[in-house]
Protein backbone atom coordinates (compact mmCIF):
# COMPACT_ATOMS: atom_id res chain seq x y z
CA UNK A 1 92.32 -110.47 102.06
CA UNK A 2 90.50 -113.19 100.11
CA UNK A 3 87.69 -113.35 102.68
CA UNK A 4 87.22 -109.58 102.43
CA UNK A 5 86.91 -109.78 98.64
CA UNK A 6 84.21 -112.47 98.82
CA UNK A 7 82.40 -110.53 101.53
CA UNK A 8 82.31 -107.41 99.31
CA UNK A 9 81.31 -109.51 96.30
CA UNK A 10 78.41 -111.08 98.24
CA UNK A 11 77.24 -107.69 99.51
CA UNK A 12 77.37 -106.40 95.93
CA UNK A 13 75.21 -109.30 94.68
CA UNK A 14 72.64 -108.83 97.44
CA UNK A 15 72.41 -105.11 96.65
CA UNK A 16 72.09 -105.80 92.90
CA UNK A 17 69.14 -108.12 93.50
CA UNK A 18 67.46 -105.20 95.23
CA UNK A 19 68.30 -102.90 92.31
CA UNK A 20 71.14 -101.16 94.14
CA UNK A 21 74.49 -101.12 92.38
CA UNK A 22 77.87 -100.24 93.86
CA UNK A 23 78.74 -98.52 90.59
CA UNK A 24 76.27 -96.29 88.77
CA UNK A 25 75.71 -95.45 85.11
CA UNK A 26 76.86 -91.88 85.78
CA UNK A 27 80.27 -93.33 86.68
CA UNK A 28 80.41 -95.45 83.50
CA UNK A 29 79.16 -93.07 80.82
CA UNK A 30 82.64 -91.63 80.24
CA UNK A 31 83.50 -94.95 78.52
CA UNK A 32 80.81 -94.33 75.90
CA UNK A 33 81.81 -90.68 75.46
CA UNK A 34 85.41 -91.78 74.84
CA UNK A 35 84.25 -94.16 72.12
CA UNK A 36 82.17 -91.43 70.46
CA UNK A 37 85.17 -89.06 70.51
CA UNK A 38 87.76 -91.57 69.30
CA UNK A 39 85.49 -93.61 67.04
CA UNK A 40 87.85 -96.57 67.48
CA UNK A 41 86.31 -100.01 66.99
CA UNK A 42 88.78 -101.42 69.53
CA UNK A 43 87.46 -99.02 72.18
CA UNK A 44 83.88 -99.95 71.31
CA UNK A 45 84.69 -103.66 71.51
CA UNK A 46 85.99 -103.22 75.07
CA UNK A 47 82.73 -101.79 76.45
CA UNK A 48 80.13 -104.07 74.83
CA UNK A 49 79.02 -107.17 76.77
CA UNK A 50 79.18 -110.56 75.04
CA UNK A 51 75.41 -111.00 75.33
CA UNK A 52 74.53 -107.41 74.43
CA UNK A 53 71.41 -106.49 72.49
CA UNK A 54 70.82 -103.59 70.13
CA UNK A 55 67.48 -102.02 69.20
CA UNK A 56 67.55 -99.94 66.04
CA UNK A 57 65.03 -97.30 65.03
CA UNK A 58 64.81 -98.96 61.61
CA UNK A 59 64.62 -102.64 62.62
CA UNK A 60 61.52 -103.79 64.45
CA UNK A 61 63.01 -106.30 66.88
CA UNK A 62 66.13 -106.24 69.04
CA UNK A 63 69.25 -107.91 67.70
CA UNK A 64 71.30 -110.00 70.10
CA UNK A 65 75.01 -110.62 70.50
CA UNK A 66 78.18 -108.60 70.71
CA UNK A 67 79.11 -108.89 67.02
CA UNK A 68 75.78 -107.62 65.68
CA UNK A 69 75.73 -104.83 68.30
CA UNK A 70 79.24 -103.75 67.28
CA UNK A 71 78.30 -103.87 63.60
CA UNK A 72 75.19 -101.71 64.03
CA UNK A 73 76.88 -99.16 66.32
CA UNK A 74 79.80 -98.85 63.90
CA UNK A 75 77.42 -98.46 60.95
CA UNK A 76 75.47 -95.81 62.85
CA UNK A 77 78.67 -93.86 63.40
CA UNK A 78 79.34 -93.98 59.67
CA UNK A 79 75.76 -92.87 58.91
CA UNK A 80 75.65 -89.86 61.23
CA UNK A 81 77.53 -86.64 60.61
CA UNK A 82 79.84 -87.04 63.60
CA UNK A 83 81.28 -83.54 63.07
CA UNK A 84 77.87 -82.11 63.94
CA UNK A 85 76.82 -84.84 66.38
CA UNK A 86 76.38 -83.69 69.98
CA UNK A 87 74.70 -84.90 73.11
CA UNK A 88 72.41 -82.20 74.51
CA UNK A 89 71.05 -83.90 77.66
CA UNK A 90 71.91 -86.83 79.89
CA UNK A 91 69.89 -88.60 82.55
CA UNK A 92 71.31 -91.46 84.64
CA UNK A 93 69.37 -93.69 86.98
CA UNK A 94 70.99 -96.72 88.56
CA UNK A 95 72.56 -98.69 85.72
CA UNK A 96 70.69 -96.83 82.95
CA UNK A 97 71.67 -93.82 80.87
CA UNK A 98 69.50 -91.82 78.48
CA UNK A 99 71.36 -89.43 76.21
CA UNK A 100 69.55 -87.02 73.89
CA UNK A 101 71.45 -86.11 70.74
CA UNK A 102 71.27 -83.84 67.71
CA UNK A 103 73.02 -84.06 64.37
CA UNK A 104 72.48 -83.67 60.64
CA UNK A 105 72.52 -86.28 57.92
CA UNK A 106 72.87 -84.51 54.61
CA UNK A 107 70.42 -81.62 55.11
CA UNK A 108 68.07 -83.49 57.48
CA UNK A 109 68.02 -82.50 61.15
CA UNK A 110 68.11 -85.57 63.39
CA UNK A 111 66.99 -85.60 67.02
CA UNK A 112 67.13 -88.77 69.07
CA UNK A 113 68.03 -90.61 72.22
CA UNK A 114 70.45 -93.39 73.06
CA UNK A 115 69.17 -95.57 75.89
CA UNK A 116 72.00 -97.54 77.46
CA UNK A 117 71.75 -100.24 80.10
CA UNK A 118 75.04 -101.15 81.79
CA UNK A 119 75.79 -104.50 83.41
CA UNK A 120 77.55 -105.12 86.71
CA UNK A 121 80.87 -105.50 84.83
CA UNK A 122 80.60 -101.93 83.56
CA UNK A 123 79.81 -102.99 79.98
CA UNK A 124 76.88 -102.09 77.76
CA UNK A 125 74.20 -104.77 78.04
CA UNK A 126 71.42 -103.11 76.00
CA UNK A 127 71.60 -100.22 73.57
CA UNK A 128 68.45 -98.70 72.08
CA UNK A 129 68.28 -95.82 69.63
CA UNK A 130 65.15 -93.76 68.99
CA UNK A 131 65.01 -91.03 66.34
CA UNK A 132 62.65 -88.33 65.16
CA UNK A 133 61.23 -86.84 62.89
CA UNK A 134 60.10 -89.38 60.29
CA UNK A 135 62.33 -87.81 57.59
CA UNK A 136 65.30 -88.44 59.87
CA UNK A 137 64.27 -92.08 60.40
CA UNK A 138 64.01 -92.56 56.64
CA UNK A 139 67.43 -90.94 56.09
CA UNK A 140 69.02 -93.03 58.84
CA UNK A 141 67.56 -96.18 57.28
CA UNK A 142 68.97 -95.24 53.88
CA UNK A 143 72.44 -94.51 55.30
CA UNK A 144 72.47 -97.58 57.56
CA UNK A 145 71.66 -99.90 54.65
CA UNK A 146 74.52 -98.44 52.63
CA UNK A 147 76.89 -98.62 55.60
CA UNK A 148 75.98 -102.22 56.50
CA UNK A 149 76.35 -103.28 52.87
CA UNK A 150 79.86 -101.77 52.78
CA UNK A 151 80.78 -103.78 55.90
CA UNK A 152 79.67 -107.08 54.29
C-alpha cells in the first residue's frame, strides 16, 4: 500500500511539472463559495495557504503571507454589500479560477473579478481582485480603509 501511495505521489509531481494537475480548480471552487456563503473566518483560514499572496485593487503591490491575505479578504467582505453580492460568471483552467462578480456599495455599482490560483494542496495560493468603474474603486478604497482600521 505504501509503495502505491509513493508511486501515485511521484506521478502527480511529474504531471504538475508539466502543468497537469490531478485535481482541477473547478473541483476546488466550492470551498471558496462555501466561505462566501458562510462568511466564517475559520472557514477562510482553512483554505488559504501559509505562503499566500493577495493583490488588492487599491494597493499597488501584492501582499504576502496568510495573515495579511486573511485580513484583506475579511475586510473586503465587510466592505462589500454581501446581500447583493453575486458571482455572474466563472472560468476555470487548470489550477486557476476567474470569477466575475457584481454588487453595490452604498449606491455605487461594483463590477469586478476575483482571480484565484490554487496550490496542489487545494488551498488558495494567490488571490487577486480587480474592480471597475473608477467610482467603485474609490468607494472600495474608502470602505477597506475603514474596515482595516476597525480590525487594528
